[in-house]
PDB file of N, CA and C in Angstrom:
ATOM      1  N   UNK A   1     111.891-141.760 -87.974  1.00  0.00           N
ATOM      2  CA  UNK A   1     112.978-142.190 -87.727  1.00  0.00           C
ATOM      3  C   UNK A   1     114.147-140.943 -87.804  1.00  0.00           C
ATOM      4  N   UNK A   2     114.768-140.821 -86.555  1.00  0.00           N
ATOM      5  CA  UNK A   2     115.210-139.529 -86.673  1.00  0.00           C
ATOM      6  C   UNK A   2     117.206-139.733 -86.951  1.00  0.00           C
ATOM      7  N   UNK A   3     117.631-138.894 -87.870  1.00  0.00           N
ATOM      8  CA  UNK A   3     118.966-139.225 -88.341  1.00  0.00           C
ATOM      9  C   UNK A   3     119.593-139.594 -86.855  1.00  0.00           C
ATOM     10  N   UNK A   4     120.949-140.296 -87.823  1.00  0.00           N
ATOM     11  CA  UNK A   4     122.033-140.833 -86.670  1.00  0.00           C
ATOM     12  C   UNK A   4     123.806-139.556 -87.397  1.00  0.00           C
ATOM     13  N   UNK A   5     123.917-139.227 -86.239  1.00  0.00           N
ATOM     14  CA  UNK A   5     125.192-138.988 -86.501  1.00  0.00           C
ATOM     15  C   UNK A   5     126.337-139.500 -87.576  1.00  0.00           C
ATOM     16  N   UNK A   6     126.085-140.160 -87.096  1.00  0.00           N
ATOM     17  CA  UNK A   6     127.331-141.066 -88.457  1.00  0.00           C
ATOM     18  C   UNK A   6     126.531-141.048 -90.176  1.00  0.00           C
ATOM     19  N   UNK A   7     125.622-140.499 -90.131  1.00  0.00           N
ATOM     20  CA  UNK A   7     124.378-139.817 -91.489  1.00  0.00           C
ATOM     21  C   UNK A   7     124.623-139.059 -91.614  1.00  0.00           C
ATOM     22  N   UNK A   8     125.776-138.148 -91.195  1.00  0.00           N
ATOM     23  CA  UNK A   8     125.869-136.128 -91.072  1.00  0.00           C
ATOM     24  C   UNK A   8     127.303-136.028 -91.357  1.00  0.00           C
ATOM     25  N   UNK A   9     126.779-135.715 -92.380  1.00  0.00           N
ATOM     26  CA  UNK A   9     128.456-135.288 -93.470  1.00  0.00           C
ATOM     27  C   UNK A   9     129.296-133.906 -92.250  1.00  0.00           C
ATOM     28  N   UNK A  10     128.105-132.777 -92.473  1.00  0.00           N
ATOM     29  CA  UNK A  10     128.199-131.526 -92.243  1.00  0.00           C
ATOM     30  C   UNK A  10     127.040-130.956 -92.233  1.00  0.00           C
ATOM     31  N   UNK A  11     127.021-129.845 -91.062  1.00  0.00           N
ATOM     32  CA  UNK A  11     125.764-129.055 -90.864  1.00  0.00           C
ATOM     33  C   UNK A  11     126.573-127.105 -90.717  1.00  0.00           C
ATOM     34  N   UNK A  12     125.885-126.448 -90.901  1.00  0.00           N
ATOM     35  CA  UNK A  12     126.005-125.097 -91.191  1.00  0.00           C
ATOM     36  C   UNK A  12     124.854-124.190 -90.391  1.00  0.00           C
ATOM     37  N   UNK A  13     124.696-123.155 -90.256  1.00  0.00           N
ATOM     38  CA  UNK A  13     123.849-122.510 -88.852  1.00  0.00           C
ATOM     39  C   UNK A  13     124.464-120.713 -90.100  1.00  0.00           C
ATOM     40  N   UNK A  14     123.442-120.904 -90.334  1.00  0.00           N
ATOM     41  CA  UNK A  14     123.579-119.240 -91.671  1.00  0.00           C
ATOM     42  C   UNK A  14     123.132-117.857 -90.487  1.00  0.00           C
ATOM     43  N   UNK A  15     124.421-116.749 -90.206  1.00  0.00           N
ATOM     44  CA  UNK A  15     124.439-115.668 -89.380  1.00  0.00           C
ATOM     45  C   UNK A  15     124.278-114.187 -90.738  1.00  0.00           C
ATOM     46  N   UNK A  16     123.568-113.588 -89.724  1.00  0.00           N
ATOM     47  CA  UNK A  16     123.599-112.557 -90.028  1.00  0.00           C
ATOM     48  C   UNK A  16     124.595-111.779 -90.469  1.00  0.00           C
ATOM     49  N   UNK A  17     125.184-110.883 -91.695  1.00  0.00           N
ATOM     50  CA  UNK A  17     126.593-110.530 -92.018  1.00  0.00           C
ATOM     51  C   UNK A  17     126.826-109.653 -90.805  1.00  0.00           C
ATOM     52  N   UNK A  18     125.975-108.709 -91.053  1.00  0.00           N
ATOM     53  CA  UNK A  18     125.962-107.685 -89.984  1.00  0.00           C
ATOM     54  C   UNK A  18     125.906-108.187 -88.453  1.00  0.00           C
ATOM     55  N   UNK A  19     125.057-108.437 -87.950  1.00  0.00           N
ATOM     56  CA  UNK A  19     124.660-108.650 -86.020  1.00  0.00           C
ATOM     57  C   UNK A  19     125.797-109.912 -85.985  1.00  0.00           C
ATOM     58  N   UNK A  20     125.836-111.152 -86.887  1.00  0.00           N
ATOM     59  CA  UNK A  20     126.759-112.240 -86.641  1.00  0.00           C
ATOM     60  C   UNK A  20     124.930-113.401 -85.451  1.00  0.00           C
ATOM     61  N   UNK A  21     124.193-112.786 -85.780  1.00  0.00           N
ATOM     62  CA  UNK A  21     123.339-113.501 -85.149  1.00  0.00           C
ATOM     63  C   UNK A  21     122.991-114.480 -85.957  1.00  0.00           C
ATOM     64  N   UNK A  22     121.771-116.054 -85.874  1.00  0.00           N
ATOM     65  CA  UNK A  22     121.424-116.604 -86.456  1.00  0.00           C
ATOM     66  C   UNK A  22     120.498-116.162 -87.166  1.00  0.00           C
ATOM     67  N   UNK A  23     120.322-116.374 -88.680  1.00  0.00           N
ATOM     68  CA  UNK A  23     119.322-116.109 -88.922  1.00  0.00           C
ATOM     69  C   UNK A  23     118.146-117.415 -89.201  1.00  0.00           C
ATOM     70  N   UNK A  24     118.249-117.781 -88.542  1.00  0.00           N
ATOM     71  CA  UNK A  24     116.986-119.133 -87.885  1.00  0.00           C
ATOM     72  C   UNK A  24     116.717-119.887 -89.146  1.00  0.00           C
ATOM     73  N   UNK A  25     117.994-120.629 -89.915  1.00  0.00           N
ATOM     74  CA  UNK A  25     118.191-121.472 -90.463  1.00  0.00           C
ATOM     75  C   UNK A  25     119.547-121.598 -90.606  1.00  0.00           C
ATOM     76  N   UNK A  26     119.807-123.385 -91.636  1.00  0.00           N
ATOM     77  CA  UNK A  26     120.938-123.765 -91.604  1.00  0.00           C
ATOM     78  C   UNK A  26     120.596-124.850 -93.079  1.00  0.00           C
ATOM     79  N   UNK A  27     121.860-126.089 -92.786  1.00  0.00           N
ATOM     80  CA  UNK A  27     122.134-126.412 -93.954  1.00  0.00           C
ATOM     81  C   UNK A  27     122.670-128.007 -93.484  1.00  0.00           C
ATOM     82  N   UNK A  28     122.317-128.968 -93.572  1.00  0.00           N
ATOM     83  CA  UNK A  28     122.778-130.235 -92.753  1.00  0.00           C
ATOM     84  C   UNK A  28     123.177-131.131 -94.382  1.00  0.00           C
ATOM     85  N   UNK A  29     124.200-132.093 -94.077  1.00  0.00           N
ATOM     86  CA  UNK A  29     124.758-132.324 -95.765  1.00  0.00           C
ATOM     87  C   UNK A  29     124.411-133.841 -94.787  1.00  0.00           C
ATOM     88  N   UNK A  30     123.782-134.851 -95.377  1.00  0.00           N
ATOM     89  CA  UNK A  30     123.857-136.224 -95.562  1.00  0.00           C
ATOM     90  C   UNK A  30     124.299-137.283 -96.127  1.00  0.00           C
ATOM     91  N   UNK A  31     125.473-138.054 -95.768  1.00  0.00           N
ATOM     92  CA  UNK A  31     126.052-139.061 -96.732  1.00  0.00           C
ATOM     93  C   UNK A  31     124.923-140.069 -97.862  1.00  0.00           C
ATOM     94  N   UNK A  32     123.950-140.203 -97.875  1.00  0.00           N
ATOM     95  CA  UNK A  32     123.381-140.725 -99.127  1.00  0.00           C
ATOM     96  C   UNK A  32     121.762-140.420 -98.150  1.00  0.00           C
ATOM     97  N   UNK A  33     120.751-140.361 -99.898  1.00  0.00           N
ATOM     98  CA  UNK A  33     119.557-139.142-100.161  1.00  0.00           C
ATOM     99  C   UNK A  33     118.901-140.142 -98.865  1.00  0.00           C
ATOM    100  N   UNK A  34     118.919-141.784 -98.384  1.00  0.00           N
ATOM    101  CA  UNK A  34     118.264-142.064 -97.953  1.00  0.00           C
ATOM    102  C   UNK A  34     117.851-141.539 -96.101  1.00  0.00           C
ATOM    103  N   UNK A  35     119.188-141.449 -95.835  1.00  0.00           N
ATOM    104  CA  UNK A  35     119.294-140.228 -94.586  1.00  0.00           C
ATOM    105  C   UNK A  35     119.014-138.150 -94.488  1.00  0.00           C
ATOM    106  N   UNK A  36     118.845-138.547 -95.993  1.00  0.00           N
ATOM    107  CA  UNK A  36     118.595-136.872 -96.059  1.00  0.00           C
ATOM    108  C   UNK A  36     116.626-137.017 -95.527  1.00  0.00           C
ATOM    109  N   UNK A  37     115.941-138.446 -96.383  1.00  0.00           N
ATOM    110  CA  UNK A  37     114.996-138.329 -96.616  1.00  0.00           C
ATOM    111  C   UNK A  37     113.991-138.686 -95.500  1.00  0.00           C
ATOM    112  N   UNK A  38     115.016-139.949 -94.316  1.00  0.00           N
ATOM    113  CA  UNK A  38     114.906-139.917 -92.976  1.00  0.00           C
ATOM    114  C   UNK A  38     114.593-139.095 -92.199  1.00  0.00           C
ATOM    115  N   UNK A  39     115.720-138.081 -91.970  1.00  0.00           N
ATOM    116  CA  UNK A  39     115.676-136.812 -91.862  1.00  0.00           C
ATOM    117  C   UNK A  39     114.406-135.663 -91.296  1.00  0.00           C
ATOM    118  N   UNK A  40     114.228-135.500 -92.975  1.00  0.00           N
ATOM    119  CA  UNK A  40     113.048-134.856 -93.172  1.00  0.00           C
ATOM    120  C   UNK A  40     111.848-135.249 -92.833  1.00  0.00           C
ATOM    121  N   UNK A  41     111.993-136.401 -92.605  1.00  0.00           N
ATOM    122  CA  UNK A  41     110.173-137.521 -92.622  1.00  0.00           C
ATOM    123  C   UNK A  41     110.518-137.874 -90.661  1.00  0.00           C
ATOM    124  N   UNK A  42     111.539-137.129 -90.628  1.00  0.00           N
ATOM    125  CA  UNK A  42     112.169-137.667 -88.914  1.00  0.00           C
ATOM    126  C   UNK A  42     111.511-136.110 -88.349  1.00  0.00           C
ATOM    127  N   UNK A  43     111.485-135.249 -88.664  1.00  0.00           N
ATOM    128  CA  UNK A  43     112.453-134.322 -87.873  1.00  0.00           C
ATOM    129  C   UNK A  43     111.407-132.832 -87.894  1.00  0.00           C
ATOM    130  N   UNK A  44     110.819-132.902 -89.892  1.00  0.00           N
ATOM    131  CA  UNK A  44     110.001-131.934 -90.280  1.00  0.00           C
ATOM    132  C   UNK A  44     108.864-131.535 -89.184  1.00  0.00           C
ATOM    133  N   UNK A  45     107.979-130.367 -89.061  1.00  0.00           N
ATOM    134  CA  UNK A  45     107.298-130.546 -87.858  1.00  0.00           C
ATOM    135  C   UNK A  45     106.633-130.774 -86.182  1.00  0.00           C
ATOM    136  N   UNK A  46     108.240-130.714 -86.283  1.00  0.00           N
ATOM    137  CA  UNK A  46     108.156-131.221 -84.460  1.00  0.00           C
ATOM    138  C   UNK A  46     109.130-130.071 -83.786  1.00  0.00           C
ATOM    139  N   UNK A  47     108.777-129.578 -82.622  1.00  0.00           N
ATOM    140  CA  UNK A  47     108.491-128.884 -81.693  1.00  0.00           C
ATOM    141  C   UNK A  47     110.674-128.521 -81.224  1.00  0.00           C
ATOM    142  N   UNK A  48     111.238-127.811 -80.874  1.00  0.00           N
ATOM    143  CA  UNK A  48     112.369-127.274 -81.044  1.00  0.00           C
ATOM    144  C   UNK A  48     112.201-126.183 -80.238  1.00  0.00           C
ATOM    145  N   UNK A  49     112.527-126.034 -79.131  1.00  0.00           N
ATOM    146  CA  UNK A  49     112.732-124.480 -77.665  1.00  0.00           C
ATOM    147  C   UNK A  49     111.162-124.157 -78.050  1.00  0.00           C
ATOM    148  N   UNK A  50     109.819-124.776 -78.167  1.00  0.00           N
ATOM    149  CA  UNK A  50     108.863-124.008 -78.621  1.00  0.00           C
ATOM    150  C   UNK A  50     108.148-123.763 -79.641  1.00  0.00           C
ATOM    151  N   UNK A  51     108.911-124.130 -80.343  1.00  0.00           N
ATOM    152  CA  UNK A  51     109.318-123.694 -82.583  1.00  0.00           C
ATOM    153  C   UNK A  51     109.243-124.692 -82.668  1.00  0.00           C
ATOM    154  N   UNK A  52     107.460-124.768 -84.122  1.00  0.00           N
ATOM    155  CA  UNK A  52     108.001-125.906 -84.754  1.00  0.00           C
ATOM    156  C   UNK A  52     108.118-126.111 -86.185  1.00  0.00           C
ATOM    157  N   UNK A  53     109.508-126.621 -86.465  1.00  0.00           N
ATOM    158  CA  UNK A  53     110.610-126.187 -87.346  1.00  0.00           C
ATOM    159  C   UNK A  53     110.039-127.783 -88.783  1.00  0.00           C
ATOM    160  N   UNK A  54     110.958-126.432 -89.806  1.00  0.00           N
ATOM    161  CA  UNK A  54     110.732-126.833 -90.950  1.00  0.00           C
ATOM    162  C   UNK A  54     111.509-127.839 -91.145  1.00  0.00           C
ATOM    163  N   UNK A  55     112.086-128.845 -92.034  1.00  0.00           N
ATOM    164  CA  UNK A  55     112.663-129.342 -92.395  1.00  0.00           C
ATOM    165  C   UNK A  55     112.223-130.091 -94.250  1.00  0.00           C
ATOM    166  N   UNK A  56     113.333-129.488 -94.807  1.00  0.00           N
ATOM    167  CA  UNK A  56     113.082-129.926 -96.300  1.00  0.00           C
ATOM    168  C   UNK A  56     114.536-130.062 -96.880  1.00  0.00           C
ATOM    169  N   UNK A  57     114.199-130.550 -98.527  1.00  0.00           N
ATOM    170  CA  UNK A  57     115.632-130.646 -99.251  1.00  0.00           C
ATOM    171  C   UNK A  57     115.439-129.075-100.238  1.00  0.00           C
ATOM    172  N   UNK A  58     117.140-128.772 -99.538  1.00  0.00           N
ATOM    173  CA  UNK A  58     117.704-127.618-100.432  1.00  0.00           C
ATOM    174  C   UNK A  58     117.076-127.538-102.031  1.00  0.00           C
ATOM    175  N   UNK A  59     117.004-126.217-102.440  1.00  0.00           N
ATOM    176  CA  UNK A  59     117.183-125.776-104.104  1.00  0.00           C
ATOM    177  C   UNK A  59     118.123-124.891-104.548  1.00  0.00           C
ATOM    178  N   UNK A  60     118.467-125.620-105.269  1.00  0.00           N
ATOM    179  CA  UNK A  60     119.578-124.938-106.155  1.00  0.00           C
ATOM    180  C   UNK A  60     119.291-123.916-106.671  1.00  0.00           C
ATOM    181  N   UNK A  61     119.881-122.718-106.277  1.00  0.00           N
ATOM    182  CA  UNK A  61     119.416-121.219-107.300  1.00  0.00           C
ATOM    183  C   UNK A  61     120.246-120.961-108.698  1.00  0.00           C
ATOM    184  N   UNK A  62     119.892-120.616-109.684  1.00  0.00           N
ATOM    185  CA  UNK A  62     120.748-120.224-110.332  1.00  0.00           C
ATOM    186  C   UNK A  62     120.366-118.953-111.105  1.00  0.00           C
ATOM    187  N   UNK A  63     121.117-117.986-111.522  1.00  0.00           N
ATOM    188  CA  UNK A  63     121.442-117.114-111.950  1.00  0.00           C
ATOM    189  C   UNK A  63     120.698-116.354-113.198  1.00  0.00           C
ATOM    190  N   UNK A  64     119.895-115.632-113.508  1.00  0.00           N
ATOM    191  CA  UNK A  64     119.635-115.792-114.821  1.00  0.00           C
ATOM    192  C   UNK A  64     120.353-114.814-115.589  1.00  0.00           C
ATOM    193  N   UNK A  65     120.148-114.247-116.774  1.00  0.00           N
ATOM    194  CA  UNK A  65     120.947-113.419-117.642  1.00  0.00           C
ATOM    195  C   UNK A  65     121.308-112.115-116.938  1.00  0.00           C
ATOM    196  N   UNK A  66     120.791-111.042-116.420  1.00  0.00           N
ATOM    197  CA  UNK A  66     120.937-110.593-115.036  1.00  0.00           C
ATOM    198  C   UNK A  66     121.298-110.403-114.429  1.00  0.00           C
ATOM    199  N   UNK A  67     121.910-111.690-113.750  1.00  0.00           N
ATOM    200  CA  UNK A  67     122.495-111.841-112.205  1.00  0.00           C
ATOM    201  C   UNK A  67     121.925-112.562-111.343  1.00  0.00           C
ATOM    202  N   UNK A  68     120.607-112.287-111.418  1.00  0.00           N
ATOM    203  CA  UNK A  68     119.659-112.426-110.836  1.00  0.00           C
ATOM    204  C   UNK A  68     119.320-113.761-110.131  1.00  0.00           C
ATOM    205  N   UNK A  69     119.683-114.104-108.130  1.00  0.00           N
ATOM    206  CA  UNK A  69     119.599-115.734-108.569  1.00  0.00           C
ATOM    207  C   UNK A  69     117.904-115.975-107.752  1.00  0.00           C
ATOM    208  N   UNK A  70     117.664-117.047-108.479  1.00  0.00           N
ATOM    209  CA  UNK A  70     116.200-117.519-108.192  1.00  0.00           C
ATOM    210  C   UNK A  70     116.784-118.884-108.322  1.00  0.00           C
ATOM    211  N   UNK A  71     115.184-119.604-107.804  1.00  0.00           N
ATOM    212  CA  UNK A  71     115.014-121.038-107.387  1.00  0.00           C
ATOM    213  C   UNK A  71     115.473-121.962-108.513  1.00  0.00           C
ATOM    214  N   UNK A  72     116.023-123.094-109.211  1.00  0.00           N
ATOM    215  CA  UNK A  72     115.599-123.288-110.397  1.00  0.00           C
ATOM    216  C   UNK A  72     114.339-124.350-110.192  1.00  0.00           C
TER     217      UNK A  72
END
């Protein structure tokens, strides 16, 4: 099942700071977990402009005692 626009709150494409070109990933915020899970199941692995895309839930990142970021 593909998500509908009504289930999307926000989307953000991540760009390179220097070139301002897309880094080929982004984030989408949904209004509920079911919409997010439906999007992952319905879109992950699909072909987009000749490329298979990966869609998954974002993982939070936390800083350790030295200030380095890692996956939570």
